[in-house]
């Protein structure tokens, strides 16, 4: 199936062709979703509004529909993506909503906890085939990232991606976005990250330009490392705590001294300002 008309893929293909990165920002509530869209419109940047399964399970179809309406009615291209759908109940909810016409623009079927690549493929493929029938492209992880984030399964025993296995892995799963393990991890880096960018370069050669590459594990990364990843072929960049933490801090502080609408507006702007910084850093500002 071709995904040329799919919102996520159109955004990523264009970024890949023109050499910039796409902010795929995790949003936990309506305010953070509004902040991302507000920032994207101000910067004239494409973006991806990303939800964790825990947020989908909390808000279910009505919240997903809100995010889809918000993103698709923006005056710049914004897609809605489900990140790290690992558990059967999360995948079942996302796919059953898609079958009812409330579909994410893309989802990640994450079976990286499997012992082998073959087991990863066996777990992921039935979900990917079902998603395809709904016109939903799927991201997968080859290798394994350590760590965990809010609402995500904790993973240990990291396994670097083998670029030689990528082509077969993509073909066997039917996925169209690849998240590699290159020394990145979820959560805080205990020592300076040592990214194996040669893996990204090799993947780019092996997979050509039909498969966008997604960078996970971006907490606390220096700006230059983000730029290097983009230069080496990464087009989708997942971001979480950079915007979340200052947003929560400002909201909790201002609720003590201001009305709730005032506090929400201030916190929304804090979140939006972080998004704007990334649009400029990833050079997607002005590309919409």
Protein backbone atom coordinates (compact mmCIF):
# COMPACT_ATOMS: atom_id res chain seq x y z
CA UNK A 1 0.00 0.00 0.00
CA UNK A 2 1.20 3.51 -0.84
CA UNK A 3 1.04 6.10 1.92
CA UNK A 4 1.80 9.09 -0.33
CA UNK A 5 -1.40 10.85 0.77
CA UNK A 6 -0.91 10.08 4.46
CA UNK A 7 -0.28 13.16 6.62
CA UNK A 8 2.66 11.72 8.62
CA UNK A 9 4.41 10.32 5.58
CA UNK A 10 3.98 13.47 3.49
CA UNK A 11 5.53 15.51 6.31
CA UNK A 12 8.45 13.07 6.73
CA UNK A 13 9.12 12.53 3.01
CA UNK A 14 9.38 16.29 2.44
CA UNK A 15 11.70 16.72 5.45
CA UNK A 16 13.87 13.86 4.22
CA UNK A 17 14.12 15.30 0.70
CA UNK A 18 14.97 18.80 1.95
CA UNK A 19 17.25 17.84 4.84
CA UNK A 20 15.50 19.16 7.96
CA UNK A 21 14.01 17.47 11.04
CA UNK A 22 10.42 17.15 12.22
CA UNK A 23 9.56 17.76 15.87
CA UNK A 24 7.41 14.86 17.08
CA UNK A 25 6.35 16.29 20.42
CA UNK A 26 4.71 14.19 23.13
CA UNK A 27 1.53 15.88 24.43
CA UNK A 28 -0.21 14.75 27.60
CA UNK A 29 -3.27 17.00 27.66
CA UNK A 30 -5.31 19.52 25.66
CA UNK A 31 -3.12 22.45 26.70
CA UNK A 32 0.13 20.89 25.48
CA UNK A 33 -1.53 19.86 22.21
CA UNK A 34 -2.80 23.41 21.72
CA UNK A 35 0.68 24.75 22.53
CA UNK A 36 2.34 22.58 19.88
CA UNK A 37 -0.14 23.64 17.20
CA UNK A 38 0.13 27.30 18.23
CA UNK A 39 3.93 27.18 17.97
CA UNK A 40 3.85 25.35 14.62
CA UNK A 41 1.50 27.94 13.14
CA UNK A 42 3.63 30.81 14.45
CA UNK A 43 6.80 29.27 12.99
CA UNK A 44 5.14 28.07 9.77
CA UNK A 45 6.50 24.62 10.57
CA UNK A 46 5.17 21.11 9.99
CA UNK A 47 4.98 19.01 13.15
CA UNK A 48 3.80 15.73 14.67
CA UNK A 49 1.56 15.69 17.74
CA UNK A 50 2.52 12.53 19.59
CA UNK A 51 0.59 10.64 22.28
CA UNK A 52 1.78 7.93 24.61
CA UNK A 53 -0.52 4.90 25.09
CA UNK A 54 -1.20 5.95 28.70
CA UNK A 55 -2.76 9.19 27.40
CA UNK A 56 -4.80 7.33 24.79
CA UNK A 57 -6.09 4.92 27.46
CA UNK A 58 -7.07 7.89 29.65
CA UNK A 59 -8.83 10.01 27.00
CA UNK A 60 -9.76 7.26 24.53
CA UNK A 61 -11.65 8.15 21.34
CA UNK A 62 -12.90 11.60 22.37
CA UNK A 63 -9.42 12.89 23.20
CA UNK A 64 -7.91 11.37 20.07
CA UNK A 65 -10.66 13.01 18.02
CA UNK A 66 -9.89 16.34 19.70
CA UNK A 67 -6.19 16.00 18.78
CA UNK A 68 -7.04 15.01 15.19
CA UNK A 69 -9.39 17.98 14.81
CA UNK A 70 -6.84 20.35 16.32
CA UNK A 71 -3.98 19.08 14.14
CA UNK A 72 -5.86 18.74 10.87
CA UNK A 73 -7.57 22.11 11.14
CA UNK A 74 -4.24 23.92 11.67
CA UNK A 75 -2.97 26.10 8.83
CA UNK A 76 0.28 24.08 8.67
CA UNK A 77 0.69 20.28 8.21
CA UNK A 78 0.41 18.50 11.58
CA UNK A 79 0.01 14.74 11.99
CA UNK A 80 -1.07 12.77 15.08
CA UNK A 81 1.07 9.75 16.04
CA UNK A 82 0.81 7.06 18.73
CA UNK A 83 4.24 6.36 20.21
CA UNK A 84 5.44 3.06 21.75
CA UNK A 85 2.25 1.01 21.52
CA UNK A 86 3.63 -2.11 23.20
CA UNK A 87 0.80 -3.81 25.07
CA UNK A 88 -2.03 -5.62 23.24
CA UNK A 89 -4.68 -3.48 24.98
CA UNK A 90 -3.07 -0.26 23.67
CA UNK A 91 -2.81 -1.60 20.13
CA UNK A 92 -6.34 -2.98 20.26
CA UNK A 93 -7.77 0.38 21.34
CA UNK A 94 -5.84 2.33 18.67
CA UNK A 95 -6.77 -0.09 15.89
CA UNK A 96 -10.40 -0.51 16.91
CA UNK A 97 -10.75 3.31 16.92
CA UNK A 98 -9.12 3.40 13.46
CA UNK A 99 -11.65 0.83 12.24
CA UNK A 100 -14.41 3.13 13.54
CA UNK A 101 -12.96 6.07 11.59
CA UNK A 102 -11.01 7.73 14.44
CA UNK A 103 -7.53 6.93 13.19
CA UNK A 104 -4.09 8.13 14.16
CA UNK A 105 -2.12 9.35 11.14
CA UNK A 106 0.54 6.81 12.18
CA UNK A 107 1.36 4.51 15.08
CA UNK A 108 4.42 2.81 16.50
CA UNK A 109 4.05 -0.93 17.03
CA UNK A 110 6.85 -1.51 19.53
CA UNK A 111 7.87 -5.15 19.91
CA UNK A 112 11.51 -4.33 20.68
CA UNK A 113 11.16 -6.14 24.03
CA UNK A 114 11.16 -9.42 22.05
CA UNK A 115 14.17 -11.70 22.46
CA UNK A 116 14.95 -11.95 18.74
CA UNK A 117 14.26 -10.02 15.53
CA UNK A 118 12.12 -12.93 14.35
CA UNK A 119 9.95 -12.70 17.47
CA UNK A 120 9.74 -8.90 17.04
CA UNK A 121 8.47 -9.44 13.47
CA UNK A 122 5.99 -12.13 14.54
CA UNK A 123 4.48 -9.87 17.23
CA UNK A 124 4.36 -6.72 15.09
CA UNK A 125 3.25 -8.01 11.70
CA UNK A 126 -0.43 -8.85 12.47
CA UNK A 127 -0.96 -5.39 13.97
CA UNK A 128 0.80 -3.73 11.04
CA UNK A 129 -1.34 -5.61 8.52
CA UNK A 130 -4.47 -4.50 10.39
CA UNK A 131 -3.24 -0.89 10.53
CA UNK A 132 -2.54 -0.92 6.78
CA UNK A 133 -6.16 -1.86 6.08
CA UNK A 134 -7.13 1.39 7.85
CA UNK A 135 -4.54 3.39 5.89
CA UNK A 136 -2.33 3.86 8.98
CA UNK A 137 1.46 3.60 8.46
CA UNK A 138 3.53 2.02 11.22
CA UNK A 139 6.88 2.76 12.87
CA UNK A 140 8.93 -0.10 14.32
CA UNK A 141 12.11 -0.39 16.39
CA UNK A 142 14.97 -2.59 15.24
CA UNK A 143 17.32 -3.31 18.13
CA UNK A 144 16.40 -2.23 21.65
CA UNK A 145 16.61 1.05 23.59
CA UNK A 146 17.15 0.99 27.34
CA UNK A 147 15.15 3.02 29.84
CA UNK A 148 11.56 4.19 30.08
CA UNK A 149 9.35 7.25 30.26
CA UNK A 150 5.97 8.16 31.73
CA UNK A 151 3.59 5.29 31.14
CA UNK A 152 6.10 3.28 29.07
CA UNK A 153 7.45 -0.17 29.79
CA UNK A 154 10.94 -0.11 31.36
CA UNK A 155 13.47 -1.84 29.12
CA UNK A 156 16.98 -3.06 29.98
CA UNK A 157 19.65 -4.83 27.93
CA UNK A 158 20.05 -2.41 25.01
CA UNK A 159 20.81 -3.89 21.61
CA UNK A 160 22.29 -1.79 18.80
CA UNK A 161 20.60 -1.91 15.41
CA UNK A 162 22.32 -4.01 12.78
CA UNK A 163 21.89 -2.06 9.51
CA UNK A 164 22.39 -5.24 7.46
CA UNK A 165 19.18 -6.64 8.94
CA UNK A 166 17.09 -3.51 8.36
CA UNK A 167 15.89 -4.18 4.83
CA UNK A 168 14.61 -7.67 5.68
CA UNK A 169 13.10 -6.41 8.95
CA UNK A 170 11.16 -3.65 7.19
CA UNK A 171 10.01 -6.01 4.44
CA UNK A 172 8.94 -8.74 6.87
CA UNK A 173 7.06 -6.40 9.22
CA UNK A 174 5.53 -4.19 6.51
CA UNK A 175 6.46 -1.06 8.50
CA UNK A 176 7.43 2.21 6.79
CA UNK A 177 9.24 4.19 9.55
CA UNK A 178 12.29 2.85 11.40
CA UNK A 179 13.45 3.73 14.92
CA UNK A 180 17.04 2.51 15.34
CA UNK A 181 19.05 1.86 18.50
CA UNK A 182 22.29 3.85 18.06
CA UNK A 183 23.34 4.39 21.68
CA UNK A 184 20.25 6.44 22.51
CA UNK A 185 18.08 5.67 25.54
CA UNK A 186 14.80 6.71 27.14
CA UNK A 187 15.23 8.97 30.16
CA UNK A 188 18.34 10.70 31.49
CA UNK A 189 21.80 9.97 30.13
CA UNK A 190 24.11 9.10 33.04
CA UNK A 191 27.15 9.95 30.90
CA UNK A 192 27.52 11.95 27.66
CA UNK A 193 25.73 10.09 24.86
CA UNK A 194 27.89 8.25 22.35
CA UNK A 195 25.71 7.99 19.27
CA UNK A 196 26.77 5.55 16.55
CA UNK A 197 25.85 7.78 13.64
CA UNK A 198 27.51 5.39 11.22
CA UNK A 199 24.47 3.14 11.84
CA UNK A 200 22.16 5.93 10.64
CA UNK A 201 24.33 6.55 7.57
CA UNK A 202 24.36 2.84 6.74
CA UNK A 203 20.58 2.61 7.22
CA UNK A 204 20.07 5.54 4.90
CA UNK A 205 22.11 3.73 2.22
CA UNK A 206 20.46 0.36 2.83
CA UNK A 207 16.87 1.61 2.97
CA UNK A 208 17.07 4.43 0.43
CA UNK A 209 14.73 7.38 0.92
CA UNK A 210 11.45 5.48 1.18
CA UNK A 211 11.83 4.72 4.91
CA UNK A 212 12.12 7.73 7.25
CA UNK A 213 14.36 7.28 10.31
CA UNK A 214 13.12 8.32 13.77
CA UNK A 215 15.33 9.35 16.70
CA UNK A 216 14.12 8.31 20.17
CA UNK A 217 15.78 9.14 23.49
CA UNK A 218 16.41 12.88 23.07
CA UNK A 219 16.29 14.08 26.68
CA UNK A 220 19.16 16.47 27.47
CA UNK A 221 20.89 16.07 24.09
CA UNK A 222 23.15 18.98 23.01
CA UNK A 223 21.97 21.03 20.04
CA UNK A 224 24.90 19.98 17.87
CA UNK A 225 24.05 16.29 18.29
CA UNK A 226 20.50 16.97 17.09
CA UNK A 227 21.97 18.73 14.03
CA UNK A 228 24.38 15.84 13.37
CA UNK A 229 21.55 13.32 13.50
CA UNK A 230 19.56 15.32 10.95
CA UNK A 231 22.62 15.73 8.71
CA UNK A 232 23.14 11.97 8.80
CA UNK A 233 19.60 11.13 7.74
CA UNK A 234 17.19 11.36 10.71
CA UNK A 235 13.92 13.10 9.84
CA UNK A 236 11.53 12.33 12.76
CA UNK A 237 12.74 13.48 16.19
CA UNK A 238 10.76 12.46 19.28
CA UNK A 239 10.80 15.01 22.12
CA UNK A 240 9.18 14.64 25.53
CA UNK A 241 10.49 16.20 28.75
CA UNK A 242 12.12 19.29 27.18
CA UNK A 243 8.68 20.87 26.89
CA UNK A 244 6.76 18.88 29.48
CA UNK A 245 8.83 19.72 32.56
CA UNK A 246 8.90 23.54 32.25
CA UNK A 247 5.19 23.44 31.35
CA UNK A 248 4.30 21.49 34.51
CA UNK A 249 6.56 23.70 36.64
CA UNK A 250 5.00 26.95 35.38
CA UNK A 251 1.47 25.60 35.73
CA UNK A 252 2.00 24.44 39.32
CA UNK A 253 3.66 27.75 40.28
CA UNK A 254 1.12 30.09 38.68
CA UNK A 255 -1.90 28.18 40.00
CA UNK A 256 -0.85 29.40 43.47
CA UNK A 257 -1.13 33.08 42.58
CA UNK A 258 -3.33 33.43 39.46
CA UNK A 259 -6.69 32.32 38.18
CA UNK A 260 -6.80 28.95 36.47
CA UNK A 261 -7.29 30.37 32.94
CA UNK A 262 -4.33 32.73 33.46
CA UNK A 263 -2.15 29.91 34.78
CA UNK A 264 -3.09 27.64 31.88
CA UNK A 265 -2.31 30.36 29.33
CA UNK A 266 1.13 31.04 30.85
CA UNK A 267 2.00 27.34 30.94
CA UNK A 268 0.76 26.84 27.38
CA UNK A 269 3.10 29.60 26.22
CA UNK A 270 6.05 27.99 28.02
CA UNK A 271 5.37 24.72 26.19
CA UNK A 272 4.96 26.57 22.87
CA UNK A 273 8.26 28.41 23.30
CA UNK A 274 10.15 25.13 23.69
CA UNK A 275 8.49 23.82 20.52
CA UNK A 276 9.48 26.99 18.67
CA UNK A 277 13.10 26.51 19.72
CA UNK A 278 13.10 23.02 18.23
CA UNK A 279 11.43 24.14 14.99
CA UNK A 280 14.30 26.59 14.55
CA UNK A 281 16.99 24.11 15.66
CA UNK A 282 15.67 21.38 13.33
CA UNK A 283 15.34 24.00 10.52
CA UNK A 284 11.70 23.12 9.86
CA UNK A 285 10.55 26.71 10.60
CA UNK A 286 9.23 28.28 7.42
CA UNK A 287 8.94 24.93 5.62
CA UNK A 288 5.14 24.64 5.86
